[in-house]
Structure formats: structure tokens, C-alpha cells
Amino acid sequence: MQAKMVVRAPQLAPRTMPCPHAITAAVEGTRNVLTAVKQDWRAMRLAPQELHADREIVLHAVKQNMCALQMASEALRGDREVVMQ
């Protein structure tokens, strides 16, 4: 006689608010990347991928060198203001 295998759906954790320290670290990280990009657009290469969609960071990088547009998110590459920098 074969035993039946029972597969259960994974239990999801209840929704919780993000840790305030994590939020603060993310904001500080964004500020650090912005400061670095203002000094040298190539700092975008080291930035986390999600910051390649940050309009302010990308604008500062593209103002210095249009090659930075290659590292921008697809949405920002289609943004007229960003492209016209």
C-alpha cells in the first residue's frame, strides 16, 4: 500500500512594520551613494541596483557623463528630462 504525500502551502509571516533601524540605514545608504555620485558619476557602478532607479542619483550622474545613462533603470532611460541632461 502506498502512502499519500500531503503538500501544504507555506505559512506566511504576519505583516509587520519594517525595523526603524533598517529604514534609517537605507536612507543613509542612499545619501552616501548620492554624495559619491556627485563627486564621480562612476560611483553608480557600485550602487545597489535599486538605486539605479533613483531619479536624483541618475540625474547627477548623467549631468557629468551621458554614459551613466547605460546604468540607469529602463524607466529613467525613457525619461525625457534625464535623457536631455
Protein backbone atom coordinates (compact mmCIF):
# COMPACT_ATOMS: atom_id res chain seq x y z
CA MET A 1 0.00 0.00 0.00
CA GLN A 2 1.36 3.44 -0.96
CA ALA A 3 1.36 6.32 1.46
CA LYS A 4 -0.14 9.60 0.24
CA MET A 5 2.08 12.63 0.27
CA VAL A 6 0.47 15.77 1.63
CA VAL A 7 1.91 19.08 0.47
CA ARG A 8 0.99 22.13 2.47
CA ALA A 9 1.23 25.73 1.37
CA PRO A 10 3.94 27.69 3.15
CA GLN A 11 2.79 29.77 6.08
CA LEU A 12 3.30 33.47 5.54
CA ALA A 13 4.60 35.61 8.34
CA PRO A 14 2.19 38.27 9.53
CA ARG A 15 2.77 41.69 8.05
CA THR A 16 4.92 43.82 10.28
CA MET A 17 6.38 47.25 10.04
CA PRO A 18 9.99 47.38 8.86
CA CYS A 19 12.58 47.92 11.53
CA PRO A 20 13.26 51.66 12.01
CA HIS A 21 16.99 50.93 12.01
CA ALA A 22 16.70 49.26 8.59
CA ILE A 23 14.85 52.29 7.22
CA THR A 24 17.49 54.65 8.64
CA ALA A 25 20.29 52.53 7.15
CA ALA A 26 18.59 52.55 3.74
CA VAL A 27 18.20 56.34 3.81
CA GLU A 28 21.81 56.79 4.89
CA GLY A 29 22.93 54.40 2.14
CA THR A 30 21.06 56.44 -0.45
CA ARG A 31 22.63 59.65 0.85
CA ASN A 32 26.09 58.09 0.73
CA VAL A 33 25.59 56.95 -2.86
CA LEU A 34 24.26 60.39 -3.84
CA THR A 35 27.30 62.07 -2.28
CA ALA A 36 29.65 59.67 -4.09
CA VAL A 37 27.87 60.12 -7.44
CA LYS A 38 28.02 63.90 -7.08
CA GLN A 39 31.80 63.54 -6.84
CA ASP A 40 32.18 60.94 -9.59
CA TRP A 41 29.40 59.51 -11.77
CA ARG A 42 31.19 56.15 -11.95
CA ALA A 43 30.21 55.52 -8.31
CA MET A 44 26.88 54.33 -9.76
CA ARG A 45 28.66 51.10 -10.71
CA LEU A 46 28.97 50.27 -7.02
CA ALA A 47 25.46 51.35 -6.06
CA PRO A 48 22.79 48.76 -5.29
CA GLN A 49 20.63 48.04 -8.33
CA GLU A 50 17.53 49.62 -6.81
CA LEU A 51 19.33 52.98 -6.67
CA HIS A 52 19.79 52.88 -10.44
CA ALA A 53 16.12 53.85 -10.48
CA ASP A 54 16.63 56.81 -8.13
CA ARG A 55 15.96 59.87 -10.28
CA GLU A 56 18.11 62.27 -8.28
CA ILE A 57 21.15 59.98 -8.30
CA VAL A 58 20.81 59.25 -12.02
CA LEU A 59 20.35 62.95 -12.89
CA HIS A 60 23.59 63.86 -11.08
CA ALA A 61 25.46 61.06 -12.83
CA VAL A 62 24.10 61.86 -16.31
CA LYS A 63 24.93 65.55 -15.89
CA GLN A 64 28.57 64.52 -15.53
CA ASN A 65 28.64 61.91 -18.28
CA MET A 66 25.97 60.54 -20.61
CA CYS A 67 27.50 57.06 -20.28
CA ALA A 68 25.82 56.92 -16.86
CA LEU A 69 22.52 56.57 -18.70
CA GLN A 70 23.51 52.97 -19.51
CA MET A 71 23.39 52.17 -15.79
CA ALA A 72 20.02 53.85 -15.20
CA SER A 73 16.82 51.87 -14.88
CA GLU A 74 14.78 51.31 -18.03
CA ALA A 75 12.14 53.75 -16.80
CA LEU A 76 14.70 56.53 -16.33
CA ARG A 77 16.32 55.82 -19.68
CA GLY A 78 12.92 56.66 -21.16
CA ASP A 79 12.55 59.84 -19.07
CA ARG A 80 12.91 62.87 -21.33
CA GLU A 81 14.40 65.13 -18.64
CA VAL A 82 17.06 62.56 -17.74
CA VAL A 83 17.97 61.90 -21.36
CA MET A 84 18.17 65.62 -22.21
CA GLN A 85 20.74 66.34 -19.47
